[in-house]
Every structure is written in structure tokens, then in C-alpha cells.
């Protein structure tokens, strides 16, 4: 899904691209990265999930995995409409790359080193 399509969908469904009312963007990012590294990464970084998107509710630790950032975010927002969300591409350094390449960060999955 293109950014403009996602932004339009967000406007229709509840300002997905707006910042959280009580947490700064930097705090959402800090919490999201910390949760992913500390308690989620080991569970989700599997062969089947490498390259998929994970959205994380940084207040509850709930997460959704799928092929699309908007899809996973909307599934989390259906549980808590004002959730502060952080997104990652499993096994890579960024969700999307514009004019560049995504760098692989996954070092292992299903017990095998790559």
C-alpha cells in the first residue's frame, strides 16, 4: 500500500498517522524498540516471519504481524482505539526503503544461523 493510500485510510478510520496524545514520537519509538528487543524479537523472528511487518502497542506489549503496516495497526486499534503504536519489519533495519535498500538484521531463525 502506498503512503498516500495509507494516509487516506488512516483519515477515514481514526488518524492512524497522528501522534499519541500523551507520548511523544520519540517515547513511542524508544518503548517500541525496547519491547521488540527485550521480549518480542526472540518469539517472532522466525523463517516464516522474516520480512513481515509487526505493529506493537507500546503501552500493553500486544502486537500483530502481517504483510502491511496499516493492516496490523488497524487490528491493534480495533482492540484499543487510542493505542500508541510502533512498527518494525521483522529481521530488517527499517519498515520501508525509499531510494535505498533494507539491511538485514536477523542473525538467526528456527535455530539456524544465516
PDB file of N, CA and C in Angstrom:
ATOM      1  N   UNK A   1       0.856  -1.172   0.000  1.00  0.00           N
ATOM      2  CA  UNK A   1       0.000   0.000   0.000  1.00  0.00           C
ATOM      3  C   UNK A   1       0.899   1.231   0.000  1.00  0.00           C
ATOM      4  N   UNK A   2       0.595   2.179  -0.837  1.00  0.00           N
ATOM      5  CA  UNK A   2       1.365   3.412  -0.893  1.00  0.00           C
ATOM      6  C   UNK A   2       1.056   4.310   0.281  1.00  0.00           C
ATOM      7  N   UNK A   3       2.015   5.176   0.593  1.00  0.00           N
ATOM      8  CA  UNK A   3       1.871   6.058   1.744  1.00  0.00           C
ATOM      9  C   UNK A   3       0.587   6.878   1.669  1.00  0.00           C
ATOM     10  N   UNK A   4       0.296   7.488   0.512  1.00  0.00           N
ATOM     11  CA  UNK A   4      -0.909   8.323   0.400  1.00  0.00           C
ATOM     12  C   UNK A   4      -2.178   7.506   0.607  1.00  0.00           C
ATOM     13  N   UNK A   5      -2.184   6.265   0.099  1.00  0.00           N
ATOM     14  CA  UNK A   5      -3.345   5.403   0.321  1.00  0.00           C
ATOM     15  C   UNK A   5      -3.499   5.098   1.804  1.00  0.00           C
ATOM     16  N   UNK A   6      -2.379   4.807   2.463  1.00  0.00           N
ATOM     17  CA  UNK A   6      -2.406   4.518   3.899  1.00  0.00           C
ATOM     18  C   UNK A   6      -2.868   5.738   4.681  1.00  0.00           C
ATOM     19  N   UNK A   7      -2.375   6.908   4.300  1.00  0.00           N
ATOM     20  CA  UNK A   7      -2.760   8.134   4.980  1.00  0.00           C
ATOM     21  C   UNK A   7      -4.258   8.405   4.808  1.00  0.00           C
ATOM     22  N   UNK A   8      -4.776   8.186   3.603  1.00  0.00           N
ATOM     23  CA  UNK A   8      -6.211   8.374   3.362  1.00  0.00           C
ATOM     24  C   UNK A   8      -7.035   7.379   4.179  1.00  0.00           C
ATOM     25  N   UNK A   9      -6.587   6.129   4.218  1.00  0.00           N
ATOM     26  CA  UNK A   9      -7.283   5.124   5.017  1.00  0.00           C
ATOM     27  C   UNK A   9      -7.251   5.510   6.487  1.00  0.00           C
ATOM     28  N   UNK A  10      -6.113   6.007   6.933  1.00  0.00           N
ATOM     29  CA  UNK A  10      -5.986   6.427   8.326  1.00  0.00           C
ATOM     30  C   UNK A  10      -6.951   7.554   8.648  1.00  0.00           C
ATOM     31  N   UNK A  11      -7.096   8.498   7.741  1.00  0.00           N
ATOM     32  CA  UNK A  11      -8.013   9.611   7.963  1.00  0.00           C
ATOM     33  C   UNK A  11      -9.452   9.115   8.085  1.00  0.00           C
ATOM     34  N   UNK A  12      -9.781   8.078   7.320  1.00  0.00           N
ATOM     35  CA  UNK A  12     -11.132   7.526   7.359  1.00  0.00           C
ATOM     36  C   UNK A  12     -11.386   6.700   8.616  1.00  0.00           C
ATOM     37  N   UNK A  13     -10.323   6.110   9.171  1.00  0.00           N
ATOM     38  CA  UNK A  13     -10.518   5.157  10.257  1.00  0.00           C
ATOM     39  C   UNK A  13     -10.052   5.620  11.624  1.00  0.00           C
ATOM     40  N   UNK A  14      -9.511   6.820  11.728  1.00  0.00           N
ATOM     41  CA  UNK A  14      -9.150   7.277  13.060  1.00  0.00           C
ATOM     42  C   UNK A  14      -7.727   7.765  13.213  1.00  0.00           C
ATOM     43  N   UNK A  15      -7.280   8.604  12.343  1.00  0.00           N
ATOM     44  CA  UNK A  15      -5.985   9.281  12.411  1.00  0.00           C
ATOM     45  C   UNK A  15      -4.826   8.416  12.891  1.00  0.00           C
ATOM     46  N   UNK A  16      -4.586   7.340  12.156  1.00  0.00           N
ATOM     47  CA  UNK A  16      -3.503   6.413  12.430  1.00  0.00           C
ATOM     48  C   UNK A  16      -2.144   7.092  12.382  1.00  0.00           C
ATOM     49  N   UNK A  17      -2.003   8.159  11.602  1.00  0.00           N
ATOM     50  CA  UNK A  17      -0.718   8.814  11.433  1.00  0.00           C
ATOM     51  C   UNK A  17      -0.513   9.977  12.389  1.00  0.00           C
ATOM     52  N   UNK A  18      -1.447  10.232  13.258  1.00  0.00           N
ATOM     53  CA  UNK A  18      -1.293  11.322  14.226  1.00  0.00           C
ATOM     54  C   UNK A  18      -0.498  10.802  15.412  1.00  0.00           C
ATOM     55  N   UNK A  19       0.193  11.699  16.077  1.00  0.00           N
ATOM     56  CA  UNK A  19       0.965  11.285  17.240  1.00  0.00           C
ATOM     57  C   UNK A  19       0.030  10.950  18.403  1.00  0.00           C
ATOM     58  N   UNK A  20       0.548  10.226  19.357  1.00  0.00           N
ATOM     59  CA  UNK A  20      -0.220   9.821  20.524  1.00  0.00           C
ATOM     60  C   UNK A  20      -0.417  11.033  21.440  1.00  0.00           C
ATOM     61  N   UNK A  21      -1.587  11.175  22.048  1.00  0.00           N
ATOM     62  CA  UNK A  21      -1.852  12.377  22.844  1.00  0.00           C
ATOM     63  C   UNK A  21      -0.977  12.540  24.084  1.00  0.00           C
ATOM     64  N   UNK A  22      -0.483  11.449  24.666  1.00  0.00           N
ATOM     65  CA  UNK A  22       0.302  11.582  25.896  1.00  0.00           C
ATOM     66  C   UNK A  22       1.770  11.190  25.742  1.00  0.00           C
ATOM     67  N   UNK A  23       2.137  10.548  24.648  1.00  0.00           N
ATOM     68  CA  UNK A  23       3.525  10.127  24.442  1.00  0.00           C
ATOM     69  C   UNK A  23       4.100  10.827  23.217  1.00  0.00           C
ATOM     70  N   UNK A  24       5.319  11.298  23.339  1.00  0.00           N
ATOM     71  CA  UNK A  24       5.977  11.915  22.186  1.00  0.00           C
ATOM     72  C   UNK A  24       6.360  10.832  21.180  1.00  0.00           C
ATOM     73  N   UNK A  25       6.626  11.226  19.962  1.00  0.00           N
ATOM     74  CA  UNK A  25       7.075  10.280  18.940  1.00  0.00           C
ATOM     75  C   UNK A  25       8.353   9.583  19.379  1.00  0.00           C
ATOM     76  N   UNK A  26       9.238  10.328  20.026  1.00  0.00           N
ATOM     77  CA  UNK A  26      10.492   9.749  20.496  1.00  0.00           C
ATOM     78  C   UNK A  26      10.250   8.698  21.575  1.00  0.00           C
ATOM     79  N   UNK A  27       9.294   8.942  22.461  1.00  0.00           N
ATOM     80  CA  UNK A  27       8.985   7.987  23.526  1.00  0.00           C
ATOM     81  C   UNK A  27       8.330   6.731  22.957  1.00  0.00           C
ATOM     82  N   UNK A  28       7.438   6.902  21.981  1.00  0.00           N
ATOM     83  CA  UNK A  28       6.828   5.739  21.333  1.00  0.00           C
ATOM     84  C   UNK A  28       7.920   4.896  20.680  1.00  0.00           C
ATOM     85  N   UNK A  29       8.844   5.547  19.972  1.00  0.00           N
ATOM     86  CA  UNK A  29       9.936   4.824  19.308  1.00  0.00           C
ATOM     87  C   UNK A  29      10.816   4.109  20.336  1.00  0.00           C
ATOM     88  N   UNK A  30      11.175   4.785  21.404  1.00  0.00           N
ATOM     89  CA  UNK A  30      12.026   4.185  22.433  1.00  0.00           C
ATOM     90  C   UNK A  30      11.373   2.951  23.038  1.00  0.00           C
ATOM     91  N   UNK A  31      10.105   3.101  23.410  1.00  0.00           N
ATOM     92  CA  UNK A  31       9.378   1.975  24.013  1.00  0.00           C
ATOM     93  C   UNK A  31       9.209   0.820  23.028  1.00  0.00           C
ATOM     94  N   UNK A  32       8.867   1.162  21.788  1.00  0.00           N
ATOM     95  CA  UNK A  32       8.668   0.126  20.772  1.00  0.00           C
ATOM     96  C   UNK A  32       9.925  -0.681  20.520  1.00  0.00           C
ATOM     97  N   UNK A  33      11.053   0.010  20.359  1.00  0.00           N
ATOM     98  CA  UNK A  33      12.328  -0.676  20.133  1.00  0.00           C
ATOM     99  C   UNK A  33      12.713  -1.527  21.336  1.00  0.00           C
ATOM    100  N   UNK A  34      12.517  -0.979  22.526  1.00  0.00           N
ATOM    101  CA  UNK A  34      12.861  -1.708  23.746  1.00  0.00           C
ATOM    102  C   UNK A  34      12.010  -2.977  23.895  1.00  0.00           C
ATOM    103  N   UNK A  35      10.707  -2.852  23.693  1.00  0.00           N
ATOM    104  CA  UNK A  35       9.825  -4.021  23.785  1.00  0.00           C
ATOM    105  C   UNK A  35      10.212  -5.084  22.763  1.00  0.00           C
ATOM    106  N   UNK A  36      10.463  -4.623  21.534  1.00  0.00           N
ATOM    107  CA  UNK A  36      10.812  -5.573  20.475  1.00  0.00           C
ATOM    108  C   UNK A  36      12.080  -6.335  20.839  1.00  0.00           C
ATOM    109  N   UNK A  37      13.111  -5.628  21.241  1.00  0.00           N
ATOM    110  CA  UNK A  37      14.390  -6.273  21.550  1.00  0.00           C
ATOM    111  C   UNK A  37      14.324  -7.136  22.812  1.00  0.00           C
ATOM    112  N   UNK A  38      13.642  -6.652  23.833  1.00  0.00           N
ATOM    113  CA  UNK A  38      13.643  -7.318  25.140  1.00  0.00           C
ATOM    114  C   UNK A  38      12.732  -8.536  25.192  1.00  0.00           C
ATOM    115  N   UNK A  39      11.522  -8.431  24.630  1.00  0.00           N
ATOM    116  CA  UNK A  39      10.570  -9.515  24.886  1.00  0.00           C
ATOM    117  C   UNK A  39       9.833 -10.069  23.665  1.00  0.00           C
ATOM    118  N   UNK A  40       9.978  -9.435  22.502  1.00  0.00           N
ATOM    119  CA  UNK A  40       9.197  -9.893  21.343  1.00  0.00           C
ATOM    120  C   UNK A  40      10.073 -10.547  20.282  1.00  0.00           C
ATOM    121  N   UNK A  41      11.230  -9.982  20.021  1.00  0.00           N
ATOM    122  CA  UNK A  41      12.077 -10.422  18.905  1.00  0.00           C
ATOM    123  C   UNK A  41      12.326 -11.927  18.896  1.00  0.00           C
ATOM    124  N   UNK A  42      12.703 -12.492  20.027  1.00  0.00           N
ATOM    125  CA  UNK A  42      13.014 -13.925  20.095  1.00  0.00           C
ATOM    126  C   UNK A  42      11.817 -14.796  19.730  1.00  0.00           C
ATOM    127  N   UNK A  43      10.610 -14.298  19.972  1.00  0.00           N
ATOM    128  CA  UNK A  43       9.396 -15.064  19.669  1.00  0.00           C
ATOM    129  C   UNK A  43       9.022 -14.994  18.197  1.00  0.00           C
ATOM    130  N   UNK A  44       9.241 -13.838  17.561  1.00  0.00           N
ATOM    131  CA  UNK A  44       8.687 -13.613  16.225  1.00  0.00           C
ATOM    132  C   UNK A  44       9.691 -13.706  15.093  1.00  0.00           C
ATOM    133  N   UNK A  45      10.977 -13.671  15.384  1.00  0.00           N
ATOM    134  CA  UNK A  45      11.973 -13.680  14.322  1.00  0.00           C
ATOM    135  C   UNK A  45      12.208 -15.114  13.859  1.00  0.00           C
ATOM    136  N   UNK A  46      11.238 -15.624  13.102  1.00  0.00           N
ATOM    137  CA  UNK A  46      11.277 -16.980  12.576  1.00  0.00           C
ATOM    138  C   UNK A  46      11.340 -16.917  11.055  1.00  0.00           C
ATOM    139  N   UNK A  47      11.675 -18.029  10.457  1.00  0.00           N
ATOM    140  CA  UNK A  47      11.779 -18.090   8.996  1.00  0.00           C
ATOM    141  C   UNK A  47      10.495 -17.604   8.325  1.00  0.00           C
ATOM    142  N   UNK A  48       9.359 -17.971   8.876  1.00  0.00           N
ATOM    143  CA  UNK A  48       8.070 -17.596   8.285  1.00  0.00           C
ATOM    144  C   UNK A  48       7.779 -16.100   8.400  1.00  0.00           C
ATOM    145  N   UNK A  49       8.338 -15.458   9.420  1.00  0.00           N
ATOM    146  CA  UNK A  49       8.023 -14.051   9.683  1.00  0.00           C
ATOM    147  C   UNK A  49       9.044 -13.055   9.139  1.00  0.00           C
ATOM    148  N   UNK A  50      10.238 -13.506   8.747  1.00  0.00           N
ATOM    149  CA  UNK A  50      11.254 -12.571   8.253  1.00  0.00           C
ATOM    150  C   UNK A  50      10.672 -11.788   7.073  1.00  0.00           C
ATOM    151  N   UNK A  51      10.737 -10.469   7.182  1.00  0.00           N
ATOM    152  CA  UNK A  51      10.220  -9.590   6.130  1.00  0.00           C
ATOM    153  C   UNK A  51       8.800  -9.115   6.365  1.00  0.00           C
ATOM    154  N   UNK A  52       8.090  -9.726   7.294  1.00  0.00           N
ATOM    155  CA  UNK A  52       6.731  -9.279   7.603  1.00  0.00           C
ATOM    156  C   UNK A  52       6.780  -8.062   8.518  1.00  0.00           C
ATOM    157  N   UNK A  53       5.644  -7.419   8.658  1.00  0.00           N
ATOM    158  CA  UNK A  53       5.513  -6.226   9.486  1.00  0.00           C
ATOM    159  C   UNK A  53       4.952  -6.620  10.850  1.00  0.00           C
ATOM    160  N   UNK A  54       5.497  -6.009  11.894  1.00  0.00           N
ATOM    161  CA  UNK A  54       4.936  -6.161  13.233  1.00  0.00           C
ATOM    162  C   UNK A  54       4.574  -4.777  13.748  1.00  0.00           C
ATOM    163  N   UNK A  55       3.370  -4.634  14.244  1.00  0.00           N
ATOM    164  CA  UNK A  55       2.946  -3.417  14.933  1.00  0.00           C
ATOM    165  C   UNK A  55       2.814  -3.764  16.399  1.00  0.00           C
ATOM    166  N   UNK A  56       3.343  -2.872  17.249  1.00  0.00           N
ATOM    167  CA  UNK A  56       3.388  -3.129  18.688  1.00  0.00           C
ATOM    168  C   UNK A  56       2.684  -2.001  19.427  1.00  0.00           C
ATOM    169  N   UNK A  57       1.782  -2.356  20.329  1.00  0.00           N
ATOM    170  CA  UNK A  57       1.179  -1.381  21.234  1.00  0.00           C
ATOM    171  C   UNK A  57       2.200  -1.177  22.348  1.00  0.00           C
ATOM    172  N   UNK A  58       2.812   0.004  22.407  1.00  0.00           N
ATOM    173  CA  UNK A  58       3.920   0.222  23.341  1.00  0.00           C
ATOM    174  C   UNK A  58       3.463   0.353  24.784  1.00  0.00           C
ATOM    175  N   UNK A  59       2.176   0.451  25.015  1.00  0.00           N
ATOM    176  CA  UNK A  59       1.663   0.532  26.384  1.00  0.00           C
ATOM    177  C   UNK A  59       1.308  -0.833  26.953  1.00  0.00           C
ATOM    178  N   UNK A  60       0.867  -1.757  26.093  1.00  0.00           N
ATOM    179  CA  UNK A  60       0.440  -3.073  26.573  1.00  0.00           C
ATOM    180  C   UNK A  60       1.376  -4.203  26.168  1.00  0.00           C
ATOM    181  N   UNK A  61       2.175  -4.000  25.138  1.00  0.00           N
ATOM    182  CA  UNK A  61       3.033  -5.059  24.623  1.00  0.00           C
ATOM    183  C   UNK A  61       2.338  -5.969  23.633  1.00  0.00           C
ATOM    184  N   UNK A  62       1.033  -5.744  23.389  1.00  0.00           N
ATOM    185  CA  UNK A  62       0.323  -6.528  22.382  1.00  0.00           C
ATOM    186  C   UNK A  62       0.930  -6.230  21.020  1.00  0.00           C
ATOM    187  N   UNK A  63       0.877  -7.216  20.124  1.00  0.00           N
ATOM    188  CA  UNK A  63       1.397  -6.983  18.781  1.00  0.00           C
ATOM    189  C   UNK A  63       0.613  -7.789  17.760  1.00  0.00           C
ATOM    190  N   UNK A  64       0.710  -7.347  16.521  1.00  0.00           N
ATOM    191  CA  UNK A  64       0.087  -8.011  15.383  1.00  0.00           C
ATOM    192  C   UNK A  64       1.136  -8.123  14.291  1.00  0.00           C
ATOM    193  N   UNK A  65       1.139  -9.242  13.574  1.00  0.00           N
ATOM    194  CA  UNK A  65       2.065  -9.480  12.477  1.00  0.00           C
ATOM    195  C   UNK A  65       1.263  -9.662  11.198  1.00  0.00           C
ATOM    196  N   UNK A  66       1.748  -9.083  10.116  1.00  0.00           N
ATOM    197  CA  UNK A  66       1.087  -9.224   8.830  1.00  0.00           C
ATOM    198  C   UNK A  66       1.971  -8.709   7.705  1.00  0.00           C
ATOM    199  N   UNK A  67       1.373  -8.556   6.549  1.00  0.00           N
ATOM    200  CA  UNK A  67       2.118  -8.115   5.376  1.00  0.00           C
ATOM    201  C   UNK A  67       2.068  -6.616   5.162  1.00  0.00           C
ATOM    202  N   UNK A  68       1.249  -5.908   5.938  1.00  0.00           N
ATOM    203  CA  UNK A  68       1.008  -4.494   5.689  1.00  0.00           C
ATOM    204  C   UNK A  68       0.927  -3.727   7.008  1.00  0.00           C
ATOM    205  N   UNK A  69       1.604  -2.591   7.081  1.00  0.00           N
ATOM    206  CA  UNK A  69       1.643  -1.785   8.295  1.00  0.00           C
ATOM    207  C   UNK A  69       0.257  -1.277   8.684  1.00  0.00           C
ATOM    208  N   UNK A  70      -0.515  -0.844   7.723  1.00  0.00           N
ATOM    209  CA  UNK A  70      -1.846  -0.336   8.035  1.00  0.00           C
ATOM    210  C   UNK A  70      -2.734  -1.458   8.558  1.00  0.00           C
ATOM    211  N   UNK A  71      -2.663  -2.615   7.925  1.00  0.00           N
ATOM    212  CA  UNK A  71      -3.468  -3.769   8.352  1.00  0.00           C
ATOM    213  C   UNK A  71      -3.165  -4.147   9.803  1.00  0.00           C
ATOM    214  N   UNK A  72      -1.895  -4.270  10.144  1.00  0.00           N
ATOM    215  CA  UNK A  72      -1.542  -4.674  11.505  1.00  0.00           C
ATOM    216  C   UNK A  72      -1.899  -3.589  12.510  1.00  0.00           C
ATOM    217  N   UNK A  73      -1.719  -2.336  12.118  1.00  0.00           N
ATOM    218  CA  UNK A  73      -2.068  -1.224  13.005  1.00  0.00           C
ATOM    219  C   UNK A  73      -3.569  -1.167  13.257  1.00  0.00           C
ATOM    220  N   UNK A  74      -4.347  -1.376  12.220  1.00  0.00           N
ATOM    221  CA  UNK A  74      -5.806  -1.337  12.381  1.00  0.00           C
ATOM    222  C   UNK A  74      -6.303  -2.476  13.270  1.00  0.00           C
ATOM    223  N   UNK A  75      -5.668  -3.645  13.178  1.00  0.00           N
ATOM    224  CA  UNK A  75      -6.059  -4.753  14.051  1.00  0.00           C
ATOM    225  C   UNK A  75      -5.793  -4.399  15.514  1.00  0.00           C
ATOM    226  N   UNK A  76      -4.657  -3.754  15.795  1.00  0.00           N
ATOM    227  CA  UNK A  76      -4.382  -3.328  17.166  1.00  0.00           C
ATOM    228  C   UNK A  76      -5.333  -2.218  17.593  1.00  0.00           C
ATOM    229  N   UNK A  77      -5.604  -1.284  16.697  1.00  0.00           N
ATOM    230  CA  UNK A  77      -6.512  -0.180  17.031  1.00  0.00           C
ATOM    231  C   UNK A  77      -7.939  -0.666  17.263  1.00  0.00           C
ATOM    232  N   UNK A  78      -8.308  -1.803  16.697  1.00  0.00           N
ATOM    233  CA  UNK A  78      -9.648  -2.332  16.947  1.00  0.00           C
ATOM    234  C   UNK A  78      -9.789  -2.792  18.391  1.00  0.00           C
ATOM    235  N   UNK A  79      -8.670  -3.086  19.049  1.00  0.00           N
ATOM    236  CA  UNK A  79      -8.674  -3.510  20.455  1.00  0.00           C
ATOM    237  C   UNK A  79      -8.577  -2.314  21.404  1.00  0.00           C
ATOM    238  N   UNK A  80      -7.850  -1.274  20.979  1.00  0.00           N
ATOM    239  CA  UNK A  80      -7.663  -0.071  21.785  1.00  0.00           C
ATOM    240  C   UNK A  80      -7.490   1.094  20.818  1.00  0.00           C
ATOM    241  N   UNK A  81      -8.521   1.901  20.672  1.00  0.00           N
ATOM    242  CA  UNK A  81      -8.532   2.931  19.632  1.00  0.00           C
ATOM    243  C   UNK A  81      -7.473   4.003  19.806  1.00  0.00           C
ATOM    244  N   UNK A  82      -7.023   4.251  21.018  1.00  0.00           N
ATOM    245  CA  UNK A  82      -6.023   5.296  21.226  1.00  0.00           C
ATOM    246  C   UNK A  82      -4.634   4.718  21.485  1.00  0.00           C
ATOM    247  N   UNK A  83      -4.388   3.515  21.014  1.00  0.00           N
ATOM    248  CA  UNK A  83      -3.111   2.841  21.259  1.00  0.00           C
ATOM    249  C   UNK A  83      -1.945   3.610  20.649  1.00  0.00           C
ATOM    250  N   UNK A  84      -0.837   3.638  21.369  1.00  0.00           N
ATOM    251  CA  UNK A  84       0.415   4.194  20.856  1.00  0.00           C
ATOM    252  C   UNK A  84       1.150   3.043  20.176  1.00  0.00           C
ATOM    253  N   UNK A  85       1.333   3.137  18.854  1.00  0.00           N
ATOM    254  CA  UNK A  85       1.863   2.021  18.078  1.00  0.00           C
ATOM    255  C   UNK A  85       3.247   2.288  17.523  1.00  0.00           C
ATOM    256  N   UNK A  86       4.027   1.235  17.462  1.00  0.00           N
ATOM    257  CA  UNK A  86       5.348   1.247  16.846  1.00  0.00           C
ATOM    258  C   UNK A  86       5.402   0.109  15.833  1.00  0.00           C
ATOM    259  N   UNK A  87       5.976   0.348  14.657  1.00  0.00           N
ATOM    260  CA  UNK A  87       6.064  -0.678  13.624  1.00  0.00           C
ATOM    261  C   UNK A  87       7.498  -1.012  13.270  1.00  0.00           C
ATOM    262  N   UNK A  88       7.727  -2.266  12.922  1.00  0.00           N
ATOM    263  CA  UNK A  88       9.037  -2.770  12.509  1.00  0.00           C
ATOM    264  C   UNK A  88       8.824  -3.747  11.359  1.00  0.00           C
ATOM    265  N   UNK A  89       9.859  -3.935  10.539  1.00  0.00           N
ATOM    266  CA  UNK A  89       9.875  -5.044   9.593  1.00  0.00           C
ATOM    267  C   UNK A  89      10.751  -6.105  10.242  1.00  0.00           C
ATOM    268  N   UNK A  90      10.186  -7.256  10.477  1.00  0.00           N
ATOM    269  CA  UNK A  90      10.887  -8.314  11.201  1.00  0.00           C
ATOM    270  C   UNK A  90      12.132  -8.738  10.424  1.00  0.00           C
ATOM    271  N   UNK A  91      13.272  -8.641  11.121  1.00  0.00           N
ATOM    272  CA  UNK A  91      14.531  -9.073  10.534  1.00  0.00           C
ATOM    273  C   UNK A  91      15.253  -8.034   9.709  1.00  0.00           C
ATOM    274  N   UNK A  92      14.723  -6.806   9.661  1.00  0.00           N
ATOM    275  CA  UNK A  92      15.344  -5.741   8.868  1.00  0.00           C
ATOM    276  C   UNK A  92      15.452  -4.466   9.690  1.00  0.00           C
ATOM    277  N   UNK A  93      16.232  -3.522   9.173  1.00  0.00           N
ATOM    278  CA  UNK A  93      16.507  -2.288   9.909  1.00  0.00           C
ATOM    279  C   UNK A  93      15.458  -1.197   9.702  1.00  0.00           C
ATOM    280  N   UNK A  94      14.528  -1.377   8.787  1.00  0.00           N
ATOM    281  CA  UNK A  94      13.504  -0.358   8.526  1.00  0.00           C
ATOM    282  C   UNK A  94      12.256  -1.034   7.983  1.00  0.00           C
ATOM    283  N   UNK A  95      11.143  -0.335   8.076  1.00  0.00           N
ATOM    284  CA  UNK A  95       9.894  -0.868   7.527  1.00  0.00           C
ATOM    285  C   UNK A  95       9.910  -0.752   6.011  1.00  0.00           C
ATOM    286  N   UNK A  96      10.292   0.416   5.495  1.00  0.00           N
ATOM    287  CA  UNK A  96      10.343   0.668   4.056  1.00  0.00           C
ATOM    288  C   UNK A  96      11.661   1.333   3.703  1.00  0.00           C
ATOM    289  N   UNK A  97      12.108   1.159   2.469  1.00  0.00           N
ATOM    290  CA  UNK A  97      13.300   1.852   1.974  1.00  0.00           C
ATOM    291  C   UNK A  97      12.909   2.626   0.723  1.00  0.00           C
ATOM    292  N   UNK A  98      13.243   3.895   0.723  1.00  0.00           N
ATOM    293  CA  UNK A  98      12.979   4.735  -0.444  1.00  0.00           C
ATOM    294  C   UNK A  98      14.330   5.142  -1.007  1.00  0.00           C
ATOM    295  N   UNK A  99      14.627   4.704  -2.221  1.00  0.00           N
ATOM    296  CA  UNK A  99      15.893   5.041  -2.846  1.00  0.00           C
ATOM    297  C   UNK A  99      17.083   4.358  -2.222  1.00  0.00           C
ATOM    298  N   UNK A 100      16.869   3.296  -1.505  1.00  0.00           N
ATOM    299  CA  UNK A 100      17.957   2.562  -0.857  1.00  0.00           C
ATOM    300  C   UNK A 100      17.574   1.112  -0.684  1.00  0.00           C
ATOM    301  N   UNK A 101      18.243   0.455   0.195  1.00  0.00           N
ATOM    302  CA  UNK A 101      17.940  -0.945   0.449  1.00  0.00           C
ATOM    303  C   UNK A 101      17.734  -1.167   1.939  1.00  0.00           C
ATOM    304  N   UNK A 102      16.942  -2.161   2.235  1.00  0.00           N
ATOM    305  CA  UNK A 102      16.754  -2.575   3.623  1.00  0.00           C
ATOM    306  C   UNK A 102      17.934  -3.441   4.022  1.00  0.00           C
ATOM    307  N   UNK A 103      18.440  -3.229   5.217  1.00  0.00           N
ATOM    308  CA  UNK A 103      19.537  -4.048   5.717  1.00  0.00           C
ATOM    309  C   UNK A 103      19.002  -5.132   6.625  1.00  0.00           C
ATOM    310  N   UNK A 104      19.459  -6.333   6.393  1.00  0.00           N
ATOM    311  CA  UNK A 104      19.035  -7.479   7.182  1.00  0.00           C
ATOM    312  C   UNK A 104      19.670  -7.414   8.564  1.00  0.00           C
ATOM    313  N   UNK A 105      18.865  -7.512   9.608  1.00  0.00           N
ATOM    314  CA  UNK A 105      19.383  -7.507  10.969  1.00  0.00           C
ATOM    315  C   UNK A 105      19.240  -8.872  11.629  1.00  0.00           C
ATOM    316  N   UNK A 106      18.372  -9.708  11.088  1.00  0.00           N
ATOM    317  CA  UNK A 106      18.156 -11.036  11.680  1.00  0.00           C
ATOM    318  C   UNK A 106      19.434 -11.850  11.564  1.00  0.00           C
ATOM    319  N   UNK A 107      19.840 -12.439  12.656  1.00  0.00           N
ATOM    320  CA  UNK A 107      21.032 -13.270  12.646  1.00  0.00           C
ATOM    321  C   UNK A 107      20.692 -14.751  12.710  1.00  0.00           C
ATOM    322  N   UNK A 108      19.528 -15.037  13.217  1.00  0.00           N
ATOM    323  CA  UNK A 108      19.169 -16.442  13.316  1.00  0.00           C
ATOM    324  C   UNK A 108      17.655 -16.575  13.253  1.00  0.00           C
ATOM    325  N   UNK A 109      17.207 -17.713  12.849  1.00  0.00           N
ATOM    326  CA  UNK A 109      15.805 -18.064  12.983  1.00  0.00           C
ATOM    327  C   UNK A 109      15.705 -19.583  13.004  1.00  0.00           C
ATOM    328  N   UNK A 110      14.728 -20.067  13.690  1.00  0.00           N
ATOM    329  CA  UNK A 110      14.495 -21.506  13.884  1.00  0.00           C
ATOM    330  C   UNK A 110      15.772 -22.273  14.203  1.00  0.00           C
ATOM    331  N   UNK A 111      16.635 -21.663  14.998  1.00  0.00           N
ATOM    332  CA  UNK A 111      17.829 -22.345  15.445  1.00  0.00           C
ATOM    333  C   UNK A 111      18.970 -22.378  14.452  1.00  0.00           C
ATOM    334  N   UNK A 112      18.790 -21.823  13.258  1.00  0.00           N
ATOM    335  CA  UNK A 112      19.841 -21.832  12.246  1.00  0.00           C
ATOM    336  C   UNK A 112      20.440 -20.460  12.117  1.00  0.00           C
ATOM    337  N   UNK A 113      21.741 -20.381  11.962  1.00  0.00           N
ATOM    338  CA  UNK A 113      22.386 -19.093  11.740  1.00  0.00           C
ATOM    339  C   UNK A 113      22.503 -18.842  10.251  1.00  0.00           C
ATOM    340  N   UNK A 114      22.292 -17.596   9.854  1.00  0.00           N
ATOM    341  CA  UNK A 114      22.350 -17.256   8.438  1.00  0.00           C
ATOM    342  C   UNK A 114      23.487 -16.291   8.165  1.00  0.00           C
TER     343      UNK A 114
END
